[in-house]
Amino acid sequence: MRPLLDKFNELSELLIRHRDRLAQGTGVPFVRLIYRPDEERECRRLTSVLRERLATAGLSSDEIRCSELPFKYYVQKGQLELRLKTAEAAPRQATDEMGRRAEALLLDEILSCASRARPYGNLILSETGLLYPFVRLAGVLEGCENKVNIPLVILYPAIITDDKMLFMGRRETGYYRTRDLK
């Protein structure tokens, strides 16, 4: 993979100067910036730099931090401790249930931000690695098709080996329509 800074520079150019061409070839204006999981801290720093560049260019950006989504529903209901205790007895079932709720929350958040966004807005999904193993982003992205018409940037920690991209080094990606910056 190329250096992370090079990918962020390319992303900046795409969003500022070539945003009208983002959906060419894929049908969706979704960009997946792939980085190694051990580059998370640097990715967060460069995300701040990117948002500053976008603002300087007169473009807005909303960042959706995914870190709390698997637990958000249960925290709001005051049931997190109970959910975690029951997860010990049936971890697979708990992971599936928490994942479905987190996927629905993430999709709702993306669609809500997209509906409020200005025509020259951008959405950035960050901290996506913390969704593992609960959420499958492919289903969320499919739910965004034909509903999100502004650039949607997915910061995606993955390892690429033998022409396979593995989210968090463990799970194959299931969504193919993004423009990938590797």
C-alpha atoms as a PDB file:
ATOM      1  CA  MET A   1       0.000   0.000   0.000  1.00  0.00           C
ATOM      2  CA  ARG A   2       1.035   3.570  -0.583  1.00  0.00           C
ATOM      3  CA  PRO A   3       1.935   5.877   2.311  1.00  0.00           C
ATOM      4  CA  LEU A   4      -1.076   7.139   4.252  1.00  0.00           C
ATOM      5  CA  LEU A   5      -0.244  10.792   3.612  1.00  0.00           C
ATOM      6  CA  ASP A   6      -0.266  10.193  -0.165  1.00  0.00           C
ATOM      7  CA  LYS A   7      -3.736   8.641   0.057  1.00  0.00           C
ATOM      8  CA  PHE A   8      -5.076  11.552   2.117  1.00  0.00           C
ATOM      9  CA  ASN A   9      -3.600  14.013  -0.393  1.00  0.00           C
ATOM     10  CA  GLU A  10      -5.319  12.141  -3.232  1.00  0.00           C
ATOM     11  CA  LEU A  11      -8.569  12.084  -1.264  1.00  0.00           C
ATOM     12  CA  SER A  12      -8.343  15.824  -0.701  1.00  0.00           C
ATOM     13  CA  GLU A  13      -7.891  16.407  -4.445  1.00  0.00           C
ATOM     14  CA  LEU A  14     -10.838  14.138  -5.268  1.00  0.00           C
ATOM     15  CA  LEU A  15     -13.162  15.888  -2.832  1.00  0.00           C
ATOM     16  CA  ILE A  16     -12.114  19.428  -3.709  1.00  0.00           C
ATOM     17  CA  ARG A  17     -11.335  19.348  -7.429  1.00  0.00           C
ATOM     18  CA  HIS A  18     -12.930  16.194  -8.850  1.00  0.00           C
ATOM     19  CA  ARG A  19     -16.013  15.552  -6.740  1.00  0.00           C
ATOM     20  CA  ASP A  20     -18.250  15.633  -9.823  1.00  0.00           C
ATOM     21  CA  ARG A  21     -16.447  12.518 -11.119  1.00  0.00           C
ATOM     22  CA  LEU A  22     -16.505  10.435  -7.938  1.00  0.00           C
ATOM     23  CA  ALA A  23     -19.452   8.297  -8.998  1.00  0.00           C
ATOM     24  CA  GLN A  24     -18.057   7.551 -12.467  1.00  0.00           C
ATOM     25  CA  GLY A  25     -17.524   3.857 -12.945  1.00  0.00           C
ATOM     26  CA  THR A  26     -19.187   2.888  -9.664  1.00  0.00           C
ATOM     27  CA  GLY A  27     -22.512   4.732  -9.678  1.00  0.00           C
ATOM     28  CA  VAL A  28     -22.003   5.926  -6.096  1.00  0.00           C
ATOM     29  CA  PRO A  29     -19.849   8.770  -4.706  1.00  0.00           C
ATOM     30  CA  PHE A  30     -18.287   6.524  -2.081  1.00  0.00           C
ATOM     31  CA  VAL A  31     -14.531   6.528  -1.432  1.00  0.00           C
ATOM     32  CA  ARG A  32     -12.860   3.959   0.769  1.00  0.00           C
ATOM     33  CA  LEU A  33      -9.454   5.021   2.082  1.00  0.00           C
ATOM     34  CA  ILE A  34      -7.680   1.835   3.085  1.00  0.00           C
ATOM     35  CA  TYR A  35      -4.988   1.942   5.746  1.00  0.00           C
ATOM     36  CA  ARG A  36      -3.242  -0.577   7.953  1.00  0.00           C
ATOM     37  CA  PRO A  37      -4.940  -1.042  11.355  1.00  0.00           C
ATOM     38  CA  ASP A  38      -1.734   0.042  13.108  1.00  0.00           C
ATOM     39  CA  GLU A  39      -2.017   3.458  11.374  1.00  0.00           C
ATOM     40  CA  GLU A  40      -5.197   4.432  13.258  1.00  0.00           C
ATOM     41  CA  ARG A  41      -3.647   7.278  15.236  1.00  0.00           C
ATOM     42  CA  GLU A  42      -2.073   8.834  12.141  1.00  0.00           C
ATOM     43  CA  CYS A  43      -5.335   8.354  10.244  1.00  0.00           C
ATOM     44  CA  ARG A  44      -7.192  10.331  12.913  1.00  0.00           C
ATOM     45  CA  ARG A  45      -4.634  13.138  12.703  1.00  0.00           C
ATOM     46  CA  LEU A  46      -4.835  13.269   8.906  1.00  0.00           C
ATOM     47  CA  THR A  47      -8.640  13.257   9.077  1.00  0.00           C
ATOM     48  CA  SER A  48      -8.458  16.527  11.019  1.00  0.00           C
ATOM     49  CA  VAL A  49      -6.106  17.954   8.401  1.00  0.00           C
ATOM     50  CA  LEU A  50      -8.486  16.832   5.643  1.00  0.00           C
ATOM     51  CA  ARG A  51     -11.461  18.514   7.317  1.00  0.00           C
ATOM     52  CA  GLU A  52      -9.456  21.741   7.606  1.00  0.00           C
ATOM     53  CA  ARG A  53      -8.559  21.575   3.895  1.00  0.00           C
ATOM     54  CA  LEU A  54     -12.187  21.020   2.972  1.00  0.00           C
ATOM     55  CA  ALA A  55     -13.300  23.955   5.114  1.00  0.00           C
ATOM     56  CA  THR A  56     -10.644  26.197   3.550  1.00  0.00           C
ATOM     57  CA  ALA A  57     -12.007  25.206   0.120  1.00  0.00           C
ATOM     58  CA  GLY A  58     -15.535  26.163   1.233  1.00  0.00           C
ATOM     59  CA  LEU A  59     -16.736  22.571   1.603  1.00  0.00           C
ATOM     60  CA  SER A  60     -18.453  21.270   4.706  1.00  0.00           C
ATOM     61  CA  SER A  61     -17.836  17.859   6.203  1.00  0.00           C
ATOM     62  CA  ASP A  62     -19.636  15.835   8.814  1.00  0.00           C
ATOM     63  CA  GLU A  63     -17.667  13.136  10.584  1.00  0.00           C
ATOM     64  CA  ILE A  64     -19.475  10.127  11.950  1.00  0.00           C
ATOM     65  CA  ARG A  65     -17.323   8.403  14.540  1.00  0.00           C
ATOM     66  CA  CYS A  66     -18.313   4.765  14.673  1.00  0.00           C
ATOM     67  CA  SER A  67     -16.635   3.866  17.958  1.00  0.00           C
ATOM     68  CA  GLU A  68     -19.747   3.917  20.157  1.00  0.00           C
ATOM     69  CA  LEU A  69     -22.306   2.463  17.759  1.00  0.00           C
ATOM     70  CA  PRO A  70     -22.250  -1.188  18.855  1.00  0.00           C
ATOM     71  CA  PHE A  71     -23.193  -0.112  22.390  1.00  0.00           C
ATOM     72  CA  LYS A  72     -25.149   3.128  21.814  1.00  0.00           C
ATOM     73  CA  TYR A  73     -28.637   1.566  21.793  1.00  0.00           C
ATOM     74  CA  TYR A  74     -28.021  -0.289  25.050  1.00  0.00           C
ATOM     75  CA  VAL A  75     -26.520   2.767  26.743  1.00  0.00           C
ATOM     76  CA  GLN A  76     -29.570   4.846  25.745  1.00  0.00           C
ATOM     77  CA  LYS A  77     -31.889   2.159  27.144  1.00  0.00           C
ATOM     78  CA  GLY A  78     -29.818   1.742  30.323  1.00  0.00           C
ATOM     79  CA  GLN A  79     -29.247  -1.917  29.426  1.00  0.00           C
ATOM     80  CA  LEU A  80     -25.547  -2.093  28.570  1.00  0.00           C
ATOM     81  CA  GLU A  81     -24.482  -3.937  31.709  1.00  0.00           C
ATOM     82  CA  LEU A  82     -27.306  -6.464  31.304  1.00  0.00           C
ATOM     83  CA  ARG A  83     -26.508  -6.939  27.600  1.00  0.00           C
ATOM     84  CA  LEU A  84     -22.840  -7.574  28.348  1.00  0.00           C
ATOM     85  CA  LYS A  85     -23.717 -10.097  31.062  1.00  0.00           C
ATOM     86  CA  THR A  86     -26.088 -12.012  28.781  1.00  0.00           C
ATOM     87  CA  ALA A  87     -23.461 -11.881  26.029  1.00  0.00           C
ATOM     88  CA  GLU A  88     -21.231 -14.067  28.169  1.00  0.00           C
ATOM     89  CA  ALA A  89     -23.798 -16.863  28.007  1.00  0.00           C
ATOM     90  CA  ALA A  90     -24.508 -16.541  24.265  1.00  0.00           C
ATOM     91  CA  PRO A  91     -21.708 -14.537  22.616  1.00  0.00           C
ATOM     92  CA  ARG A  92     -22.645 -15.337  18.985  1.00  0.00           C
ATOM     93  CA  GLN A  93     -26.285 -14.344  19.470  1.00  0.00           C
ATOM     94  CA  ALA A  94     -25.286 -11.165  21.330  1.00  0.00           C
ATOM     95  CA  THR A  95     -22.810 -10.176  18.622  1.00  0.00           C
ATOM     96  CA  ASP A  96     -25.438 -10.689  15.918  1.00  0.00           C
ATOM     97  CA  GLU A  97     -28.069  -8.690  17.801  1.00  0.00           C
ATOM     98  CA  MET A  98     -25.693  -5.865  18.701  1.00  0.00           C
ATOM     99  CA  GLY A  99     -24.453  -5.792  15.115  1.00  0.00           C
ATOM    100  CA  ARG A 100     -27.954  -5.467  13.642  1.00  0.00           C
ATOM    101  CA  ARG A 101     -28.748  -2.587  15.984  1.00  0.00           C
ATOM    102  CA  ALA A 102     -25.416  -0.879  15.274  1.00  0.00           C
ATOM    103  CA  GLU A 103     -25.890  -1.275  11.499  1.00  0.00           C
ATOM    104  CA  ALA A 104     -29.362   0.279  11.720  1.00  0.00           C
ATOM    105  CA  LEU A 105     -28.043   3.158  13.858  1.00  0.00           C
ATOM    106  CA  LEU A 106     -25.151   3.776  11.473  1.00  0.00           C
ATOM    107  CA  LEU A 107     -27.393   3.742   8.408  1.00  0.00           C
ATOM    108  CA  ASP A 108     -29.843   6.131  10.090  1.00  0.00           C
ATOM    109  CA  GLU A 109     -26.986   8.456  11.078  1.00  0.00           C
ATOM    110  CA  ILE A 110     -25.531   8.489   7.562  1.00  0.00           C
ATOM    111  CA  LEU A 111     -28.909   9.122   5.921  1.00  0.00           C
ATOM    112  CA  SER A 112     -29.748  11.841   8.439  1.00  0.00           C
ATOM    113  CA  CYS A 113     -26.431  13.641   7.894  1.00  0.00           C
ATOM    114  CA  ALA A 114     -26.752  13.288   4.122  1.00  0.00           C
ATOM    115  CA  SER A 115     -30.261  14.769   4.140  1.00  0.00           C
ATOM    116  CA  ARG A 116     -29.049  17.815   6.099  1.00  0.00           C
ATOM    117  CA  ALA A 117     -25.845  18.287   4.140  1.00  0.00           C
ATOM    118  CA  ARG A 118     -25.256  21.176   1.815  1.00  0.00           C
ATOM    119  CA  PRO A 119     -24.750  20.347  -1.888  1.00  0.00           C
ATOM    120  CA  TYR A 120     -20.986  20.695  -1.383  1.00  0.00           C
ATOM    121  CA  GLY A 121     -20.934  18.657   1.781  1.00  0.00           C
ATOM    122  CA  ASN A 122     -19.022  15.485   2.569  1.00  0.00           C
ATOM    123  CA  LEU A 123     -19.548  12.641   5.014  1.00  0.00           C
ATOM    124  CA  ILE A 124     -16.616  10.914   6.682  1.00  0.00           C
ATOM    125  CA  LEU A 125     -16.972   7.599   8.519  1.00  0.00           C
ATOM    126  CA  SER A 126     -14.116   7.281  10.992  1.00  0.00           C
ATOM    127  CA  GLU A 127     -13.130   4.805  13.687  1.00  0.00           C
ATOM    128  CA  THR A 128     -14.729   2.030  11.644  1.00  0.00           C
ATOM    129  CA  GLY A 129     -12.308  -0.563  12.994  1.00  0.00           C
ATOM    130  CA  LEU A 130     -14.133  -0.394  16.319  1.00  0.00           C
ATOM    131  CA  LEU A 131     -17.220  -1.802  14.609  1.00  0.00           C
ATOM    132  CA  TYR A 132     -15.504  -5.164  14.258  1.00  0.00           C
ATOM    133  CA  PRO A 133     -16.843  -7.850  14.811  1.00  0.00           C
ATOM    134  CA  PHE A 134     -20.338  -6.410  15.180  1.00  0.00           C
ATOM    135  CA  VAL A 135     -21.021  -4.547  11.939  1.00  0.00           C
ATOM    136  CA  ARG A 136     -20.686  -5.485   8.300  1.00  0.00           C
ATOM    137  CA  LEU A 137     -20.214  -2.240   6.412  1.00  0.00           C
ATOM    138  CA  ALA A 138     -21.272  -3.779   3.081  1.00  0.00           C
ATOM    139  CA  GLY A 139     -24.935  -3.865   4.125  1.00  0.00           C
ATOM    140  CA  VAL A 140     -24.783  -0.311   5.438  1.00  0.00           C
ATOM    141  CA  LEU A 141     -23.265   0.943   2.171  1.00  0.00           C
ATOM    142  CA  GLU A 142     -25.892  -0.898   0.140  1.00  0.00           C
ATOM    143  CA  GLY A 143     -28.535   0.896   2.216  1.00  0.00           C
ATOM    144  CA  CYS A 144     -26.935   4.221   1.236  1.00  0.00           C
ATOM    145  CA  GLU A 145     -27.146   3.585  -2.508  1.00  0.00           C
ATOM    146  CA  ASN A 146     -29.444   6.043  -4.318  1.00  0.00           C
ATOM    147  CA  LYS A 147     -29.937   7.903  -1.015  1.00  0.00           C
ATOM    148  CA  VAL A 148     -26.533   9.470  -0.411  1.00  0.00           C
ATOM    149  CA  ASN A 149     -25.558  11.730  -3.278  1.00  0.00           C
ATOM    150  CA  ILE A 150     -22.659  13.589  -1.673  1.00  0.00           C
ATOM    151  CA  PRO A 151     -19.209  12.054  -1.202  1.00  0.00           C
ATOM    152  CA  LEU A 152     -19.144   9.423   1.526  1.00  0.00           C
ATOM    153  CA  VAL A 153     -15.612   8.665   2.717  1.00  0.00           C
ATOM    154  CA  ILE A 154     -15.082   5.435   4.590  1.00  0.00           C
ATOM    155  CA  LEU A 155     -11.823   5.261   6.548  1.00  0.00           C
ATOM    156  CA  TYR A 156     -11.195   1.539   6.350  1.00  0.00           C
ATOM    157  CA  PRO A 157      -8.512  -0.302   8.346  1.00  0.00           C
ATOM    158  CA  ALA A 158      -7.561  -3.363   6.340  1.00  0.00           C
ATOM    159  CA  ILE A 159      -4.754  -5.609   5.259  1.00  0.00           C
ATOM    160  CA  ILE A 160      -4.326  -6.538   1.617  1.00  0.00           C
ATOM    161  CA  THR A 161      -2.834  -9.952   0.873  1.00  0.00           C
ATOM    162  CA  ASP A 162      -2.941 -12.044  -2.294  1.00  0.00           C
ATOM    163  CA  ASP A 163      -5.511  -9.707  -3.903  1.00  0.00           C
ATOM    164  CA  LYS A 164      -7.788 -10.001  -0.849  1.00  0.00           C
ATOM    165  CA  MET A 165      -8.699  -7.067   1.328  1.00  0.00           C
ATOM    166  CA  LEU A 166      -9.414  -8.070   4.923  1.00  0.00           C
ATOM    167  CA  PHE A 167     -11.181  -5.587   7.210  1.00  0.00           C
ATOM    168  CA  MET A 168      -9.123  -5.400  10.419  1.00  0.00           C
ATOM    169  CA  GLY A 169      -7.013  -8.179   8.901  1.00  0.00           C
ATOM    170  CA  ARG A 170      -9.814 -10.682   9.510  1.00  0.00           C
ATOM    171  CA  ARG A 171     -12.938 -10.275   7.369  1.00  0.00           C
ATOM    172  CA  GLU A 172     -13.234  -9.983   3.605  1.00  0.00           C
ATOM    173  CA  THR A 173     -14.968  -6.893   2.370  1.00  0.00           C
ATOM    174  CA  GLY A 174     -18.339  -7.495   0.773  1.00  0.00           C
ATOM    175  CA  TYR A 175     -18.894  -4.168  -0.982  1.00  0.00           C
ATOM    176  CA  TYR A 176     -17.357  -3.539  -4.374  1.00  0.00           C
ATOM    177  CA  ARG A 177     -18.719  -0.202  -5.626  1.00  0.00           C
ATOM    178  CA  THR A 178     -16.439   2.184  -3.760  1.00  0.00           C
ATOM    179  CA  ARG A 179     -13.478   3.968  -5.256  1.00  0.00           C
ATOM    180  CA  ASP A 180     -10.614   2.486  -3.260  1.00  0.00           C
ATOM    181  CA  LEU A 181      -7.498   4.410  -2.304  1.00  0.00           C
ATOM    182  CA  LYS A 182      -4.924   1.723  -1.472  1.00  0.00           C
END
